[in-house]
Each structure stands twice: as structure tokens, then as C-alpha cells.
Amino acid sequence: MARFPKIIPVSDLRQDVAEAVRSVQASRDPTVITQRGRAAVVMLSIREYEQGEYERQILYALARGEREISAGKGHDLDSVMAEADEILRGNEP
């Protein structure tokens, strides 16, 4: 079952920023900050942000590979695996 994100009005955030930061760091879930009753920004722990960026890089590489295959281009398996290893080590390909 999907979980609902934690929501904090910006006025509450102003009153206790330190507690909001602690809460976000302790949780794997994003916190939505609202302004005038509407979602304005999302606060996310650096750990979760970095994980999301890592996953985005992998998905980007896969999508690029799909485009290359569709265009009749491509790379051999060894070079693809080498690029994947670089991403897994945290290096740019």
C-alpha cells in the first residue's frame, strides 16, 4: 500500500527547522513543504537524494543504450559492463 508523504506547512518549518531536518534525516521518506496550502518543495535526506541520483544515472545509461540499439548502433558487452562498473563505483562513465 502506498504511503502518504509527510507534509509540513512552511510556517511550521520556520518555527522548528532543526526538528524538521532531524525528522527528514531519520526517515527514508521525502517531506513536502507547503506554502499557501500548495506543495512548494520537497525536502529529502542527502542519503536518499544521492541514491536517487545514482538510480537516475543507471536508468539514463539504459535508456541511451535502448536508443542506440534502435538506431542500429551499440557497444559490445565488455564496454557496457565496464561503464556499468564505473557507475557502480560512483564514477562518471
N, C-alpha and C. Protein backbone atom coordinates (compact mmCIF):
# COMPACT_ATOMS: atom_id res chain seq x y z
N MET A 1 0.84 -1.18 0.00
CA MET A 1 0.00 0.00 0.00
C MET A 1 0.88 1.24 0.00
N ALA A 2 0.54 2.22 -0.80
CA ALA A 2 1.32 3.45 -0.92
C ALA A 2 1.21 4.27 0.36
N ARG A 3 2.34 4.86 0.73
CA ARG A 3 2.35 5.73 1.91
C ARG A 3 2.20 7.17 1.46
N PHE A 4 1.57 7.94 2.30
CA PHE A 4 1.43 9.36 2.02
C PHE A 4 2.66 10.08 2.55
N PRO A 5 3.16 11.07 1.81
CA PRO A 5 4.34 11.80 2.30
C PRO A 5 3.99 12.67 3.49
N LYS A 6 4.99 12.91 4.31
CA LYS A 6 4.81 13.85 5.41
C LYS A 6 4.71 15.25 4.81
N ILE A 7 3.80 16.05 5.34
CA ILE A 7 3.57 17.40 4.82
C ILE A 7 3.75 18.39 5.96
N ILE A 8 4.55 19.44 5.70
CA ILE A 8 4.79 20.48 6.69
C ILE A 8 4.52 21.84 6.05
N PRO A 9 3.64 22.64 6.63
CA PRO A 9 3.48 24.00 6.13
C PRO A 9 4.76 24.80 6.37
N VAL A 10 5.08 25.69 5.48
CA VAL A 10 6.30 26.48 5.60
C VAL A 10 6.33 27.27 6.92
N SER A 11 5.18 27.68 7.40
CA SER A 11 5.14 28.40 8.68
C SER A 11 5.59 27.50 9.83
N ASP A 12 5.21 26.22 9.82
CA ASP A 12 5.68 25.29 10.84
C ASP A 12 7.17 25.02 10.69
N LEU A 13 7.63 24.94 9.46
CA LEU A 13 9.05 24.73 9.21
C LEU A 13 9.88 25.87 9.79
N ARG A 14 9.42 27.09 9.61
CA ARG A 14 10.13 28.26 10.15
C ARG A 14 10.27 28.18 11.66
N GLN A 15 9.27 27.63 12.32
CA GLN A 15 9.27 27.58 13.79
C GLN A 15 10.26 26.57 14.34
N ASP A 16 10.52 25.49 13.60
CA ASP A 16 11.43 24.47 14.11
C ASP A 16 12.14 23.75 12.96
N VAL A 17 13.04 24.47 12.32
CA VAL A 17 13.78 23.91 11.19
C VAL A 17 14.63 22.72 11.63
N ALA A 18 15.28 22.84 12.78
CA ALA A 18 16.17 21.77 13.24
C ALA A 18 15.40 20.46 13.40
N GLU A 19 14.23 20.50 13.97
CA GLU A 19 13.43 19.29 14.15
C GLU A 19 13.00 18.71 12.80
N ALA A 20 12.63 19.58 11.86
CA ALA A 20 12.24 19.11 10.53
C ALA A 20 13.42 18.41 9.85
N VAL A 21 14.61 18.97 9.98
CA VAL A 21 15.80 18.36 9.38
C VAL A 21 16.08 17.01 10.03
N ARG A 22 16.01 16.94 11.35
CA ARG A 22 16.21 15.66 12.05
C ARG A 22 15.21 14.61 11.57
N SER A 23 13.97 15.02 11.43
CA SER A 23 12.92 14.11 11.00
C SER A 23 13.20 13.57 9.60
N VAL A 24 13.60 14.44 8.70
CA VAL A 24 13.89 14.03 7.32
C VAL A 24 15.10 13.10 7.29
N GLN A 25 16.13 13.43 8.07
CA GLN A 25 17.33 12.60 8.08
C GLN A 25 17.04 11.21 8.65
N ALA A 26 16.14 11.12 9.60
CA ALA A 26 15.82 9.84 10.23
C ALA A 26 14.91 8.98 9.35
N SER A 27 14.26 9.58 8.40
CA SER A 27 13.28 8.89 7.57
C SER A 27 13.84 8.67 6.17
N ARG A 28 13.34 7.66 5.51
CA ARG A 28 13.70 7.44 4.10
C ARG A 28 12.71 8.17 3.20
N ASP A 29 11.70 8.76 3.79
CA ASP A 29 10.62 9.37 3.02
C ASP A 29 10.85 10.87 2.82
N PRO A 30 10.45 11.39 1.68
CA PRO A 30 10.53 12.84 1.46
C PRO A 30 9.46 13.55 2.29
N THR A 31 9.72 14.81 2.57
CA THR A 31 8.75 15.66 3.26
C THR A 31 8.37 16.79 2.32
N VAL A 32 7.09 16.97 2.13
CA VAL A 32 6.58 18.03 1.26
C VAL A 32 6.37 19.28 2.10
N ILE A 33 6.93 20.39 1.64
CA ILE A 33 6.74 21.67 2.30
C ILE A 33 5.69 22.44 1.50
N THR A 34 4.66 22.88 2.19
CA THR A 34 3.59 23.60 1.51
C THR A 34 3.70 25.09 1.80
N GLN A 35 3.21 25.86 0.87
CA GLN A 35 3.15 27.32 1.00
C GLN A 35 1.80 27.75 0.47
N ARG A 36 1.05 28.44 1.30
CA ARG A 36 -0.31 28.87 0.96
C ARG A 36 -1.19 27.67 0.56
N GLY A 37 -0.97 26.55 1.26
CA GLY A 37 -1.80 25.38 1.03
C GLY A 37 -1.44 24.53 -0.17
N ARG A 38 -0.37 24.89 -0.87
CA ARG A 38 0.03 24.12 -2.05
C ARG A 38 1.46 23.61 -1.88
N ALA A 39 1.71 22.45 -2.45
CA ALA A 39 3.07 21.88 -2.40
C ALA A 39 4.04 22.86 -3.07
N ALA A 40 5.13 23.17 -2.39
CA ALA A 40 6.10 24.13 -2.92
C ALA A 40 7.45 23.46 -3.19
N VAL A 41 7.92 22.67 -2.24
CA VAL A 41 9.21 22.00 -2.39
C VAL A 41 9.16 20.65 -1.67
N VAL A 42 10.16 19.83 -1.95
CA VAL A 42 10.30 18.56 -1.27
C VAL A 42 11.65 18.56 -0.56
N MET A 43 11.64 18.16 0.69
CA MET A 43 12.87 18.05 1.46
C MET A 43 13.20 16.56 1.57
N LEU A 44 14.47 16.23 1.29
CA LEU A 44 14.89 14.84 1.22
C LEU A 44 16.27 14.73 1.86
N SER A 45 16.52 13.64 2.58
CA SER A 45 17.84 13.47 3.19
C SER A 45 18.88 13.34 2.08
N ILE A 46 20.09 13.71 2.38
CA ILE A 46 21.15 13.64 1.39
C ILE A 46 21.38 12.18 0.96
N ARG A 47 21.21 11.27 1.89
CA ARG A 47 21.37 9.84 1.59
C ARG A 47 20.37 9.41 0.52
N GLU A 48 19.13 9.80 0.69
CA GLU A 48 18.09 9.43 -0.27
C GLU A 48 18.27 10.18 -1.60
N TYR A 49 18.70 11.43 -1.53
CA TYR A 49 18.97 12.19 -2.75
C TYR A 49 20.06 11.52 -3.58
N GLU A 50 21.17 11.15 -2.91
CA GLU A 50 22.27 10.51 -3.62
C GLU A 50 21.86 9.17 -4.21
N GLN A 51 21.04 8.40 -3.48
CA GLN A 51 20.55 7.13 -4.00
C GLN A 51 19.70 7.35 -5.25
N GLY A 52 18.85 8.36 -5.21
CA GLY A 52 18.01 8.68 -6.36
C GLY A 52 18.84 9.10 -7.57
N GLU A 53 19.88 9.89 -7.33
CA GLU A 53 20.76 10.30 -8.43
C GLU A 53 21.50 9.11 -9.02
N TYR A 54 21.94 8.21 -8.17
CA TYR A 54 22.61 7.00 -8.61
C TYR A 54 21.68 6.18 -9.51
N GLU A 55 20.45 5.99 -9.07
CA GLU A 55 19.47 5.24 -9.85
C GLU A 55 19.15 5.95 -11.16
N ARG A 56 19.09 7.28 -11.13
CA ARG A 56 18.82 8.05 -12.34
C ARG A 56 19.94 7.86 -13.36
N GLN A 57 21.17 7.83 -12.91
CA GLN A 57 22.30 7.61 -13.82
C GLN A 57 22.22 6.26 -14.50
N ILE A 58 21.86 5.24 -13.74
CA ILE A 58 21.73 3.90 -14.32
C ILE A 58 20.60 3.87 -15.34
N LEU A 59 19.46 4.46 -14.99
CA LEU A 59 18.33 4.49 -15.93
C LEU A 59 18.67 5.27 -17.18
N TYR A 60 19.41 6.36 -17.03
CA TYR A 60 19.83 7.15 -18.19
C TYR A 60 20.71 6.30 -19.12
N ALA A 61 21.65 5.55 -18.54
CA ALA A 61 22.53 4.71 -19.35
C ALA A 61 21.73 3.63 -20.08
N LEU A 62 20.75 3.06 -19.39
CA LEU A 62 19.91 2.04 -20.04
C LEU A 62 19.08 2.65 -21.18
N ALA A 63 18.52 3.82 -20.95
CA ALA A 63 17.72 4.48 -21.99
C ALA A 63 18.60 4.85 -23.18
N ARG A 64 19.81 5.32 -22.92
CA ARG A 64 20.73 5.65 -24.00
C ARG A 64 21.05 4.39 -24.81
N GLY A 65 21.25 3.27 -24.12
CA GLY A 65 21.51 2.02 -24.81
C GLY A 65 20.35 1.59 -25.68
N GLU A 66 19.14 1.76 -25.16
CA GLU A 66 17.95 1.42 -25.95
C GLU A 66 17.87 2.28 -27.21
N ARG A 67 18.17 3.57 -27.09
CA ARG A 67 18.14 4.46 -28.26
C ARG A 67 19.20 4.04 -29.28
N GLU A 68 20.38 3.69 -28.79
CA GLU A 68 21.45 3.27 -29.69
C GLU A 68 21.08 1.98 -30.41
N ILE A 69 20.49 1.03 -29.71
CA ILE A 69 20.08 -0.22 -30.33
C ILE A 69 19.03 0.05 -31.39
N SER A 70 18.06 0.91 -31.07
CA SER A 70 17.01 1.25 -32.04
C SER A 70 17.58 1.92 -33.28
N ALA A 71 18.67 2.66 -33.11
CA ALA A 71 19.30 3.36 -34.23
C ALA A 71 20.32 2.48 -34.96
N GLY A 72 20.43 1.24 -34.53
CA GLY A 72 21.37 0.33 -35.18
C GLY A 72 22.80 0.53 -34.73
N LYS A 73 22.98 1.25 -33.67
CA LYS A 73 24.32 1.46 -33.11
C LYS A 73 24.41 0.62 -31.85
N GLY A 74 25.53 0.65 -31.25
CA GLY A 74 25.65 -0.07 -30.00
C GLY A 74 27.09 -0.29 -29.62
N HIS A 75 27.26 -0.92 -28.49
CA HIS A 75 28.59 -1.22 -27.97
C HIS A 75 28.63 -2.69 -27.62
N ASP A 76 29.83 -3.23 -27.59
CA ASP A 76 29.94 -4.63 -27.21
C ASP A 76 29.71 -4.78 -25.71
N LEU A 77 29.41 -6.00 -25.32
CA LEU A 77 29.06 -6.27 -23.92
C LEU A 77 30.16 -5.86 -22.96
N ASP A 78 31.42 -6.04 -23.32
CA ASP A 78 32.52 -5.69 -22.43
C ASP A 78 32.53 -4.20 -22.11
N SER A 79 32.31 -3.35 -23.12
CA SER A 79 32.33 -1.91 -22.86
C SER A 79 31.11 -1.48 -22.04
N VAL A 80 29.97 -2.12 -22.27
CA VAL A 80 28.77 -1.81 -21.50
C VAL A 80 28.99 -2.20 -20.04
N MET A 81 29.55 -3.37 -19.82
CA MET A 81 29.80 -3.82 -18.45
C MET A 81 30.84 -2.93 -17.76
N ALA A 82 31.83 -2.48 -18.49
CA ALA A 82 32.84 -1.58 -17.92
C ALA A 82 32.20 -0.26 -17.49
N GLU A 83 31.30 0.26 -18.32
CA GLU A 83 30.60 1.50 -17.96
C GLU A 83 29.71 1.29 -16.74
N ALA A 84 29.02 0.16 -16.69
CA ALA A 84 28.18 -0.15 -15.53
C ALA A 84 29.02 -0.25 -14.27
N ASP A 85 30.19 -0.86 -14.36
CA ASP A 85 31.09 -0.97 -13.21
C ASP A 85 31.53 0.40 -12.72
N GLU A 86 31.82 1.31 -13.66
CA GLU A 86 32.21 2.68 -13.29
C GLU A 86 31.07 3.37 -12.54
N ILE A 87 29.85 3.22 -13.01
CA ILE A 87 28.71 3.82 -12.35
C ILE A 87 28.55 3.24 -10.95
N LEU A 88 28.69 1.93 -10.83
CA LEU A 88 28.54 1.28 -9.54
C LEU A 88 29.62 1.73 -8.55
N ARG A 89 30.80 2.07 -9.05
CA ARG A 89 31.87 2.59 -8.20
C ARG A 89 31.68 4.05 -7.86
N GLY A 90 30.68 4.67 -8.48
CA GLY A 90 30.41 6.08 -8.21
C GLY A 90 31.17 7.04 -9.09
N ASN A 91 31.74 6.56 -10.17
CA ASN A 91 32.47 7.41 -11.11
C ASN A 91 31.61 7.66 -12.32
N GLU A 92 31.83 8.80 -12.94
CA GLU A 92 31.16 9.09 -14.21
C GLU A 92 31.77 8.22 -15.29
N PRO A 93 30.95 7.71 -16.20
CA PRO A 93 31.49 6.88 -17.30
C PRO A 93 32.30 7.71 -18.28
